[in-house]
Amino acid sequence: MTFHVSPHPAVDDRQASLPLIYRAAMRKLAGAVSILTVGEGESRTGLTATSVSSLSVDPPVLIICVNRDASARAEIERRNAFAINLLRPEHQEIADRFAGRGGIKGAARYQGAQWTTLETGAPVLSDALAVFDCAIDDLIERHSHTIILGRVVAARVTEGAEPLLYWAGSYARLTRGAAE
């Protein structure tokens, strides 16, 4: 789908179409699928996130953007810690649960998978591609989202595994070229 904006559109037309164009363009940005996990016991919750990026290596800090209306938002602030779990292709069902598909909420999102903890006590997926256990460095409120700076206090990697990707509105797998 291609959107065309005339060189001199009316202000109202341009403003009305920009969010649609922006959303369509952002769907072309492929990203690793991760879940943010937080809490203990029945207060466990979390969300599927594609807005996760490295901010700094020294010290190791991640930047995560979470919608202010997300149910996990309050628990993240309350606990002052969370984990980011990078998913593998076999975790698509987990990604769907944490995205709220099927109406599954809270601790029920954790069913059907093996979980453990690292330093902060935030739940981490035992067979994730990689996990980052984070303490909150800062919370920045901007527009519809909270920008979370998470200082990585522990991490783990599963070697030889492939990532689950999200592109153009659906999940995708990484296919390696013949040159590799």
N, C-alpha and C. Protein backbone atom coordinates (compact mmCIF):
# COMPACT_ATOMS: atom_id res chain seq x y z
N MET A 1 0.85 -1.17 0.00
CA MET A 1 0.00 0.00 0.00
C MET A 1 0.89 1.23 0.00
N THR A 2 0.66 2.14 -0.89
CA THR A 2 1.43 3.37 -0.98
C THR A 2 0.50 4.54 -0.76
N PHE A 3 0.94 5.49 0.04
CA PHE A 3 0.19 6.71 0.27
C PHE A 3 0.89 7.84 -0.47
N HIS A 4 0.13 8.65 -1.10
CA HIS A 4 0.69 9.81 -1.77
C HIS A 4 0.06 11.06 -1.16
N VAL A 5 0.90 12.01 -0.86
CA VAL A 5 0.42 13.27 -0.34
C VAL A 5 0.76 14.32 -1.39
N SER A 6 -0.24 15.06 -1.83
CA SER A 6 0.01 16.06 -2.87
C SER A 6 0.93 17.13 -2.31
N PRO A 7 1.70 17.82 -3.18
CA PRO A 7 2.67 18.80 -2.70
C PRO A 7 2.04 19.94 -1.91
N HIS A 8 0.77 20.23 -2.18
CA HIS A 8 0.13 21.36 -1.49
C HIS A 8 -1.25 20.94 -0.96
N PRO A 9 -1.30 19.94 -0.08
CA PRO A 9 -2.61 19.54 0.41
C PRO A 9 -3.16 20.57 1.40
N ALA A 10 -4.44 20.53 1.56
CA ALA A 10 -5.07 21.38 2.58
C ALA A 10 -4.53 20.93 3.93
N VAL A 11 -4.39 21.85 4.88
CA VAL A 11 -3.83 21.52 6.19
C VAL A 11 -4.60 20.39 6.85
N ASP A 12 -5.93 20.46 6.81
CA ASP A 12 -6.73 19.42 7.45
C ASP A 12 -6.51 18.06 6.80
N ASP A 13 -6.42 18.00 5.47
CA ASP A 13 -6.18 16.73 4.78
C ASP A 13 -4.81 16.16 5.16
N ARG A 14 -3.80 17.02 5.21
CA ARG A 14 -2.45 16.56 5.54
C ARG A 14 -2.43 16.02 6.97
N GLN A 15 -3.02 16.73 7.89
CA GLN A 15 -3.02 16.29 9.27
C GLN A 15 -3.81 15.00 9.45
N ALA A 16 -4.89 14.84 8.71
CA ALA A 16 -5.71 13.64 8.83
C ALA A 16 -4.98 12.43 8.27
N SER A 17 -4.17 12.60 7.22
CA SER A 17 -3.52 11.45 6.60
C SER A 17 -2.17 11.12 7.23
N LEU A 18 -1.51 12.06 7.89
CA LEU A 18 -0.19 11.81 8.44
C LEU A 18 -0.17 10.63 9.42
N PRO A 19 -1.09 10.51 10.37
CA PRO A 19 -1.05 9.33 11.25
C PRO A 19 -1.18 8.01 10.49
N LEU A 20 -1.99 7.99 9.44
CA LEU A 20 -2.12 6.76 8.65
C LEU A 20 -0.83 6.44 7.91
N ILE A 21 -0.21 7.46 7.33
CA ILE A 21 1.05 7.26 6.62
C ILE A 21 2.14 6.82 7.61
N TYR A 22 2.19 7.49 8.74
CA TYR A 22 3.18 7.15 9.77
C TYR A 22 3.04 5.70 10.20
N ARG A 23 1.82 5.29 10.52
CA ARG A 23 1.58 3.92 10.96
C ARG A 23 1.97 2.92 9.88
N ALA A 24 1.61 3.19 8.64
CA ALA A 24 1.96 2.29 7.53
C ALA A 24 3.47 2.22 7.34
N ALA A 25 4.13 3.36 7.45
CA ALA A 25 5.59 3.38 7.28
C ALA A 25 6.29 2.64 8.42
N MET A 26 5.81 2.81 9.63
CA MET A 26 6.43 2.12 10.78
C MET A 26 6.27 0.61 10.70
N ARG A 27 5.23 0.14 10.05
CA ARG A 27 5.06 -1.31 9.89
C ARG A 27 6.16 -1.91 9.02
N LYS A 28 6.87 -1.07 8.27
CA LYS A 28 7.97 -1.55 7.43
C LYS A 28 9.28 -1.69 8.21
N LEU A 29 9.28 -1.24 9.44
CA LEU A 29 10.45 -1.36 10.30
C LEU A 29 10.39 -2.71 11.01
N ALA A 30 11.19 -3.66 10.53
CA ALA A 30 11.21 -4.99 11.16
C ALA A 30 11.85 -4.89 12.54
N GLY A 31 11.32 -5.64 13.49
CA GLY A 31 11.87 -5.59 14.83
C GLY A 31 11.78 -6.93 15.52
N ALA A 32 12.69 -7.13 16.45
CA ALA A 32 12.66 -8.32 17.29
C ALA A 32 11.44 -8.23 18.21
N VAL A 33 10.80 -9.36 18.45
CA VAL A 33 9.66 -9.40 19.36
C VAL A 33 10.17 -9.73 20.75
N SER A 34 9.79 -8.92 21.70
CA SER A 34 10.17 -9.18 23.09
C SER A 34 8.96 -9.01 23.98
N ILE A 35 9.07 -9.57 25.17
CA ILE A 35 8.04 -9.33 26.18
C ILE A 35 8.70 -8.69 27.39
N LEU A 36 8.02 -7.72 27.93
CA LEU A 36 8.44 -7.10 29.16
C LEU A 36 7.69 -7.81 30.27
N THR A 37 8.41 -8.30 31.26
CA THR A 37 7.80 -9.03 32.37
C THR A 37 8.11 -8.31 33.68
N VAL A 38 7.14 -8.36 34.60
CA VAL A 38 7.29 -7.65 35.86
C VAL A 38 6.38 -8.29 36.91
N GLY A 39 6.79 -8.24 38.16
CA GLY A 39 5.95 -8.68 39.27
C GLY A 39 6.29 -10.06 39.78
N GLU A 40 5.55 -10.45 40.83
CA GLU A 40 5.71 -11.75 41.46
C GLU A 40 4.33 -12.36 41.69
N GLY A 41 4.27 -13.70 41.70
CA GLY A 41 3.04 -14.39 42.01
C GLY A 41 1.87 -13.90 41.18
N GLU A 42 0.77 -13.62 41.84
CA GLU A 42 -0.45 -13.19 41.14
C GLU A 42 -0.37 -11.74 40.65
N SER A 43 0.64 -10.98 41.09
CA SER A 43 0.78 -9.61 40.59
C SER A 43 1.63 -9.57 39.31
N ARG A 44 2.07 -10.75 38.84
CA ARG A 44 2.85 -10.77 37.58
C ARG A 44 1.98 -10.27 36.43
N THR A 45 2.62 -9.50 35.59
CA THR A 45 1.97 -8.99 34.39
C THR A 45 3.05 -8.72 33.37
N GLY A 46 2.68 -8.17 32.24
CA GLY A 46 3.67 -7.87 31.23
C GLY A 46 3.01 -7.49 29.93
N LEU A 47 3.84 -7.27 28.92
CA LEU A 47 3.32 -6.86 27.62
C LEU A 47 4.30 -7.24 26.53
N THR A 48 3.78 -7.36 25.32
CA THR A 48 4.63 -7.59 24.16
C THR A 48 5.14 -6.24 23.69
N ALA A 49 6.45 -6.17 23.41
CA ALA A 49 7.05 -4.89 23.04
C ALA A 49 7.98 -5.06 21.84
N THR A 50 7.85 -4.16 20.89
CA THR A 50 8.82 -4.10 19.81
C THR A 50 9.63 -2.81 19.90
N SER A 51 9.27 -1.94 20.83
CA SER A 51 9.96 -0.67 21.00
C SER A 51 11.00 -0.80 22.11
N VAL A 52 12.03 -1.59 21.84
CA VAL A 52 13.12 -1.84 22.78
C VAL A 52 14.42 -1.62 22.03
N SER A 53 15.35 -0.90 22.65
CA SER A 53 16.61 -0.61 21.98
C SER A 53 17.71 -0.40 23.00
N SER A 54 18.95 -0.60 22.58
CA SER A 54 20.10 -0.31 23.42
C SER A 54 20.31 1.20 23.45
N LEU A 55 20.49 1.74 24.64
CA LEU A 55 20.79 3.16 24.79
C LEU A 55 22.28 3.35 25.03
N SER A 56 22.85 2.45 25.84
CA SER A 56 24.24 2.61 26.24
C SER A 56 24.84 1.25 26.56
N VAL A 57 26.13 1.11 26.31
CA VAL A 57 26.85 -0.11 26.67
C VAL A 57 27.58 0.07 27.99
N ASP A 58 28.02 1.31 28.27
CA ASP A 58 28.77 1.57 29.49
C ASP A 58 28.19 2.80 30.18
N PRO A 59 27.28 2.64 31.12
CA PRO A 59 26.76 1.37 31.63
C PRO A 59 25.72 0.78 30.68
N PRO A 60 25.45 -0.53 30.80
CA PRO A 60 24.43 -1.13 29.92
C PRO A 60 23.03 -0.66 30.30
N VAL A 61 22.38 0.02 29.34
CA VAL A 61 21.04 0.58 29.57
C VAL A 61 20.19 0.33 28.33
N LEU A 62 18.96 -0.12 28.54
CA LEU A 62 17.97 -0.27 27.48
C LEU A 62 16.98 0.88 27.55
N ILE A 63 16.40 1.20 26.41
CA ILE A 63 15.31 2.17 26.36
C ILE A 63 14.08 1.43 25.84
N ILE A 64 12.98 1.55 26.57
CA ILE A 64 11.74 0.86 26.24
C ILE A 64 10.63 1.89 26.29
N CYS A 65 9.73 1.86 25.32
CA CYS A 65 8.59 2.77 25.31
C CYS A 65 7.32 1.98 25.58
N VAL A 66 6.58 2.37 26.61
CA VAL A 66 5.38 1.68 27.04
C VAL A 66 4.21 2.66 27.04
N ASN A 67 3.13 2.27 26.42
CA ASN A 67 1.93 3.11 26.41
C ASN A 67 1.49 3.37 27.85
N ARG A 68 1.14 4.61 28.13
CA ARG A 68 0.72 4.97 29.49
C ARG A 68 -0.52 4.21 29.95
N ASP A 69 -1.34 3.77 28.99
CA ASP A 69 -2.55 3.03 29.33
C ASP A 69 -2.31 1.53 29.52
N ALA A 70 -1.09 1.06 29.31
CA ALA A 70 -0.80 -0.37 29.44
C ALA A 70 -1.04 -0.82 30.88
N SER A 71 -1.66 -1.97 31.04
CA SER A 71 -1.96 -2.48 32.38
C SER A 71 -0.69 -2.73 33.20
N ALA A 72 0.43 -3.01 32.55
CA ALA A 72 1.68 -3.29 33.26
C ALA A 72 2.38 -2.03 33.75
N ARG A 73 1.99 -0.89 33.25
CA ARG A 73 2.69 0.36 33.54
C ARG A 73 2.82 0.63 35.04
N ALA A 74 1.76 0.50 35.79
CA ALA A 74 1.79 0.78 37.23
C ALA A 74 2.69 -0.21 37.98
N GLU A 75 2.64 -1.47 37.59
CA GLU A 75 3.46 -2.49 38.26
C GLU A 75 4.95 -2.25 37.99
N ILE A 76 5.29 -1.78 36.82
CA ILE A 76 6.69 -1.47 36.50
C ILE A 76 7.20 -0.39 37.46
N GLU A 77 6.41 0.66 37.61
CA GLU A 77 6.82 1.74 38.50
C GLU A 77 6.86 1.28 39.96
N ARG A 78 5.89 0.47 40.35
CA ARG A 78 5.83 -0.02 41.74
C ARG A 78 7.03 -0.89 42.08
N ARG A 79 7.41 -1.77 41.17
CA ARG A 79 8.51 -2.71 41.41
C ARG A 79 9.88 -2.10 41.18
N ASN A 80 9.94 -1.06 40.36
CA ASN A 80 11.21 -0.41 40.04
C ASN A 80 12.19 -1.36 39.33
N ALA A 81 11.64 -2.40 38.71
CA ALA A 81 12.44 -3.39 38.00
C ALA A 81 11.55 -4.14 37.02
N PHE A 82 12.17 -4.71 36.00
CA PHE A 82 11.45 -5.48 34.99
C PHE A 82 12.47 -6.29 34.22
N ALA A 83 11.99 -7.18 33.37
CA ALA A 83 12.88 -7.94 32.49
C ALA A 83 12.39 -7.81 31.05
N ILE A 84 13.32 -7.82 30.13
CA ILE A 84 13.02 -7.88 28.70
C ILE A 84 13.46 -9.26 28.23
N ASN A 85 12.55 -9.98 27.60
CA ASN A 85 12.80 -11.32 27.10
C ASN A 85 12.68 -11.30 25.58
N LEU A 86 13.79 -11.52 24.86
CA LEU A 86 13.74 -11.59 23.40
C LEU A 86 13.25 -12.97 23.01
N LEU A 87 12.23 -13.01 22.14
CA LEU A 87 11.55 -14.27 21.84
C LEU A 87 12.13 -14.97 20.62
N ARG A 88 11.90 -16.29 20.60
CA ARG A 88 12.27 -17.16 19.49
C ARG A 88 11.01 -17.51 18.71
N PRO A 89 11.12 -18.03 17.47
CA PRO A 89 9.92 -18.35 16.69
C PRO A 89 8.92 -19.25 17.41
N GLU A 90 9.39 -20.17 18.22
CA GLU A 90 8.47 -21.06 18.94
C GLU A 90 7.73 -20.35 20.07
N HIS A 91 8.02 -19.09 20.32
CA HIS A 91 7.35 -18.31 21.37
C HIS A 91 6.22 -17.43 20.84
N GLN A 92 5.77 -17.65 19.63
CA GLN A 92 4.74 -16.79 19.05
C GLN A 92 3.47 -16.79 19.91
N GLU A 93 3.09 -17.93 20.45
CA GLU A 93 1.90 -17.99 21.31
C GLU A 93 2.09 -17.14 22.57
N ILE A 94 3.29 -17.14 23.12
CA ILE A 94 3.59 -16.31 24.30
C ILE A 94 3.47 -14.83 23.93
N ALA A 95 4.00 -14.47 22.76
CA ALA A 95 3.90 -13.07 22.29
C ALA A 95 2.43 -12.67 22.18
N ASP A 96 1.61 -13.55 21.64
CA ASP A 96 0.18 -13.25 21.51
C ASP A 96 -0.48 -13.08 22.88
N ARG A 97 -0.17 -13.96 23.82
CA ARG A 97 -0.76 -13.84 25.16
C ARG A 97 -0.38 -12.52 25.80
N PHE A 98 0.92 -12.15 25.72
CA PHE A 98 1.37 -10.91 26.35
C PHE A 98 0.87 -9.67 25.61
N ALA A 99 0.45 -9.84 24.36
CA ALA A 99 -0.17 -8.74 23.61
C ALA A 99 -1.65 -8.61 23.95
N GLY A 100 -2.17 -9.53 24.77
CA GLY A 100 -3.56 -9.46 25.19
C GLY A 100 -4.53 -10.14 24.24
N ARG A 101 -4.02 -10.84 23.24
CA ARG A 101 -4.92 -11.55 22.32
C ARG A 101 -5.63 -12.64 23.08
N GLY A 102 -6.91 -12.79 22.82
CA GLY A 102 -7.70 -13.78 23.53
C GLY A 102 -8.16 -13.31 24.91
N GLY A 103 -7.89 -12.05 25.24
CA GLY A 103 -8.35 -11.49 26.51
C GLY A 103 -7.58 -11.98 27.73
N ILE A 104 -6.44 -12.62 27.54
CA ILE A 104 -5.65 -13.14 28.67
C ILE A 104 -4.92 -11.97 29.33
N LYS A 105 -5.02 -11.90 30.66
CA LYS A 105 -4.44 -10.78 31.40
C LYS A 105 -3.60 -11.27 32.58
N GLY A 106 -2.79 -10.37 33.09
CA GLY A 106 -2.06 -10.60 34.33
C GLY A 106 -1.25 -11.87 34.37
N ALA A 107 -1.30 -12.55 35.52
CA ALA A 107 -0.50 -13.76 35.75
C ALA A 107 -0.86 -14.89 34.79
N ALA A 108 -2.07 -14.90 34.23
CA ALA A 108 -2.47 -15.95 33.29
C ALA A 108 -1.60 -15.94 32.03
N ARG A 109 -0.99 -14.82 31.72
CA ARG A 109 -0.11 -14.74 30.55
C ARG A 109 1.13 -15.61 30.70
N TYR A 110 1.46 -15.99 31.91
CA TYR A 110 2.66 -16.78 32.18
C TYR A 110 2.45 -18.29 32.05
N GLN A 111 1.21 -18.72 31.92
CA GLN A 111 0.92 -20.15 31.83
C GLN A 111 1.50 -20.75 30.56
N GLY A 112 1.92 -22.01 30.66
CA GLY A 112 2.39 -22.75 29.49
C GLY A 112 3.84 -22.49 29.13
N ALA A 113 4.61 -21.88 30.01
CA ALA A 113 6.03 -21.63 29.76
C ALA A 113 6.80 -21.78 31.07
N GLN A 114 8.08 -21.97 30.97
CA GLN A 114 8.94 -22.10 32.15
C GLN A 114 9.59 -20.74 32.46
N TRP A 115 9.50 -20.34 33.72
CA TRP A 115 10.00 -19.04 34.14
C TRP A 115 10.99 -19.20 35.28
N THR A 116 11.92 -18.26 35.37
CA THR A 116 12.87 -18.21 36.46
C THR A 116 13.11 -16.73 36.77
N THR A 117 14.06 -16.43 37.62
CA THR A 117 14.42 -15.03 37.91
C THR A 117 15.94 -14.90 37.89
N LEU A 118 16.40 -13.67 37.76
CA LEU A 118 17.82 -13.37 37.86
C LEU A 118 18.01 -12.47 39.08
N GLU A 119 18.59 -11.28 38.92
CA GLU A 119 18.92 -10.41 40.06
C GLU A 119 17.74 -9.67 40.68
N THR A 120 16.87 -9.07 39.86
CA THR A 120 15.82 -8.19 40.40
C THR A 120 14.59 -8.94 40.88
N GLY A 121 14.46 -10.20 40.51
CA GLY A 121 13.26 -10.96 40.85
C GLY A 121 12.18 -10.89 39.79
N ALA A 122 12.40 -10.11 38.72
CA ALA A 122 11.43 -10.07 37.62
C ALA A 122 11.46 -11.42 36.90
N PRO A 123 10.30 -11.91 36.46
CA PRO A 123 10.27 -13.19 35.77
C PRO A 123 11.00 -13.14 34.43
N VAL A 124 11.79 -14.18 34.15
CA VAL A 124 12.46 -14.30 32.85
C VAL A 124 12.12 -15.66 32.25
N LEU A 125 11.90 -15.67 30.96
CA LEU A 125 11.56 -16.87 30.21
C LEU A 125 12.79 -17.76 30.12
N SER A 126 12.68 -19.00 30.60
CA SER A 126 13.83 -19.89 30.69
C SER A 126 14.53 -20.14 29.36
N ASP A 127 13.77 -20.24 28.27
CA ASP A 127 14.39 -20.55 26.97
C ASP A 127 14.34 -19.38 25.99
N ALA A 128 14.33 -18.16 26.51
CA ALA A 128 14.32 -16.98 25.65
C ALA A 128 15.62 -16.89 24.85
N LEU A 129 15.57 -16.21 23.72
CA LEU A 129 16.76 -15.97 22.93
C LEU A 129 17.80 -15.21 23.77
N ALA A 130 17.34 -14.20 24.48
CA ALA A 130 18.17 -13.44 25.41
C ALA A 130 17.25 -12.78 26.43
N VAL A 131 17.77 -12.52 27.60
CA VAL A 131 17.01 -11.79 28.62
C VAL A 131 17.88 -10.70 29.22
N PHE A 132 17.23 -9.61 29.57
CA PHE A 132 17.87 -8.48 30.23
C PHE A 132 17.09 -8.20 31.50
N ASP A 133 17.72 -8.33 32.62
CA ASP A 133 17.10 -8.05 33.92
C ASP A 133 17.47 -6.62 34.28
N CYS A 134 16.47 -5.77 34.45
CA CYS A 134 16.71 -4.32 34.54
C CYS A 134 16.15 -3.70 35.81
N ALA A 135 16.89 -2.74 36.33
CA ALA A 135 16.40 -1.83 37.37
C ALA A 135 16.11 -0.50 36.68
N ILE A 136 15.08 0.17 37.12
CA ILE A 136 14.70 1.43 36.46
C ILE A 136 15.70 2.53 36.79
N ASP A 137 16.22 3.15 35.74
CA ASP A 137 17.10 4.31 35.86
C ASP A 137 16.29 5.59 35.81
N ASP A 138 15.27 5.61 34.92
CA ASP A 138 14.47 6.82 34.77
C ASP A 138 13.17 6.49 34.04
N LEU A 139 12.14 7.25 34.35
CA LEU A 139 10.86 7.19 33.65
C LEU A 139 10.59 8.59 33.10
N ILE A 140 10.36 8.67 31.80
CA ILE A 140 10.15 9.95 31.15
C ILE A 140 8.79 9.92 30.46
N GLU A 141 7.91 10.81 30.85
CA GLU A 141 6.57 10.87 30.26
C GLU A 141 6.60 11.75 29.02
N ARG A 142 6.24 11.17 27.88
CA ARG A 142 6.16 11.94 26.64
C ARG A 142 4.99 11.44 25.82
N HIS A 143 4.13 12.35 25.45
CA HIS A 143 2.99 12.08 24.58
C HIS A 143 2.17 10.92 25.15
N SER A 144 1.94 9.88 24.39
CA SER A 144 1.10 8.76 24.83
C SER A 144 1.88 7.68 25.57
N HIS A 145 3.20 7.84 25.69
CA HIS A 145 4.04 6.76 26.22
C HIS A 145 4.92 7.21 27.38
N THR A 146 5.37 6.22 28.12
CA THR A 146 6.41 6.40 29.12
C THR A 146 7.68 5.81 28.54
N ILE A 147 8.74 6.60 28.50
CA ILE A 147 10.04 6.12 28.05
C ILE A 147 10.75 5.61 29.29
N ILE A 148 11.10 4.35 29.28
CA ILE A 148 11.73 3.72 30.44
C ILE A 148 13.20 3.48 30.13
N LEU A 149 14.08 3.99 30.98
CA LEU A 149 15.49 3.67 30.89
C LEU A 149 15.76 2.59 31.93
N GLY A 150 16.15 1.42 31.44
CA GLY A 150 16.40 0.28 32.32
C GLY A 150 17.87 -0.07 32.37
N ARG A 151 18.47 0.06 33.55
CA ARG A 151 19.87 -0.30 33.75
C ARG A 151 19.95 -1.82 33.86
N VAL A 152 20.68 -2.45 32.96
CA VAL A 152 20.78 -3.91 32.93
C VAL A 152 21.69 -4.36 34.07
N VAL A 153 21.13 -5.19 34.96
CA VAL A 153 21.91 -5.69 36.10
C VAL A 153 22.30 -7.15 35.92
N ALA A 154 21.65 -7.84 34.97
CA ALA A 154 22.00 -9.22 34.65
C ALA A 154 21.45 -9.52 33.26
N ALA A 155 22.08 -10.46 32.57
CA ALA A 155 21.64 -10.83 31.23
C ALA A 155 22.00 -12.29 30.98
N ARG A 156 21.30 -12.87 30.03
CA ARG A 156 21.57 -14.26 29.65
C ARG A 156 21.27 -14.41 28.16
N VAL A 157 22.04 -15.24 27.45
CA VAL A 157 21.88 -15.45 26.02
C VAL A 157 21.77 -16.94 25.73
N THR A 158 20.89 -17.32 24.80
CA THR A 158 20.80 -18.69 24.30
C THR A 158 21.50 -18.71 22.95
N GLU A 159 22.65 -19.34 22.89
CA GLU A 159 23.43 -19.39 21.65
C GLU A 159 22.77 -20.29 20.62
N GLY A 160 22.92 -19.94 19.34
CA GLY A 160 22.45 -20.78 18.25
C GLY A 160 20.96 -20.72 17.98
N ALA A 161 20.24 -19.86 18.67
CA ALA A 161 18.79 -19.75 18.48
C ALA A 161 18.49 -18.58 17.55
N GLU A 162 17.33 -18.61 16.91
CA GLU A 162 16.90 -17.56 15.98
C GLU A 162 15.87 -16.65 16.65
N PRO A 163 15.75 -15.39 16.19
CA PRO A 163 14.77 -14.47 16.77
C PRO A 163 13.39 -14.59 16.12
N LEU A 164 12.37 -14.24 16.89
CA LEU A 164 11.04 -14.01 16.35
C LEU A 164 10.99 -12.54 15.96
N LEU A 165 10.58 -12.27 14.73
CA LEU A 165 10.53 -10.90 14.23
C LEU A 165 9.09 -10.48 13.99
N TYR A 166 8.86 -9.18 13.94
CA TYR A 166 7.57 -8.62 13.59
C TYR A 166 7.79 -7.64 12.46
N TRP A 167 7.06 -7.84 11.35
CA TRP A 167 7.22 -6.99 10.19
C TRP A 167 5.91 -6.94 9.42
N ALA A 168 5.51 -5.77 8.98
CA ALA A 168 4.32 -5.56 8.15
C ALA A 168 3.07 -6.16 8.77
N GLY A 169 2.96 -6.06 10.10
CA GLY A 169 1.74 -6.48 10.78
C GLY A 169 1.66 -7.95 11.12
N SER A 170 2.74 -8.70 10.93
CA SER A 170 2.71 -10.11 11.31
C SER A 170 4.09 -10.60 11.72
N TYR A 171 4.10 -11.78 12.31
CA TYR A 171 5.36 -12.39 12.73
C TYR A 171 6.13 -12.89 11.53
N ALA A 172 7.45 -12.90 11.67
CA ALA A 172 8.31 -13.37 10.61
C ALA A 172 9.50 -14.09 11.23
N ARG A 173 10.13 -14.91 10.43
CA ARG A 173 11.35 -15.61 10.84
C ARG A 173 12.52 -15.02 10.06
N LEU A 174 13.67 -15.08 10.66
CA LEU A 174 14.88 -14.66 9.99
C LEU A 174 15.32 -15.77 9.04
N THR A 175 15.49 -15.45 7.79
CA THR A 175 16.02 -16.43 6.84
C THR A 175 17.39 -15.95 6.41
N ARG A 176 18.33 -16.80 6.60
CA ARG A 176 19.72 -16.45 6.28
C ARG A 176 19.99 -16.67 4.80
N GLY A 177 20.77 -15.78 4.20
CA GLY A 177 21.12 -15.88 2.79
C GLY A 177 22.15 -16.97 2.54
N ALA A 178 22.33 -17.32 1.28
CA ALA A 178 23.25 -18.39 0.88
C ALA A 178 24.70 -18.03 1.20
N ALA A 179 25.01 -16.74 1.33
CA ALA A 179 26.38 -16.32 1.59
C ALA A 179 26.86 -16.69 2.99
N GLU A 180 25.95 -17.01 3.90
CA GLU A 180 26.37 -17.29 5.28
C GLU A 180 26.77 -18.71 5.46
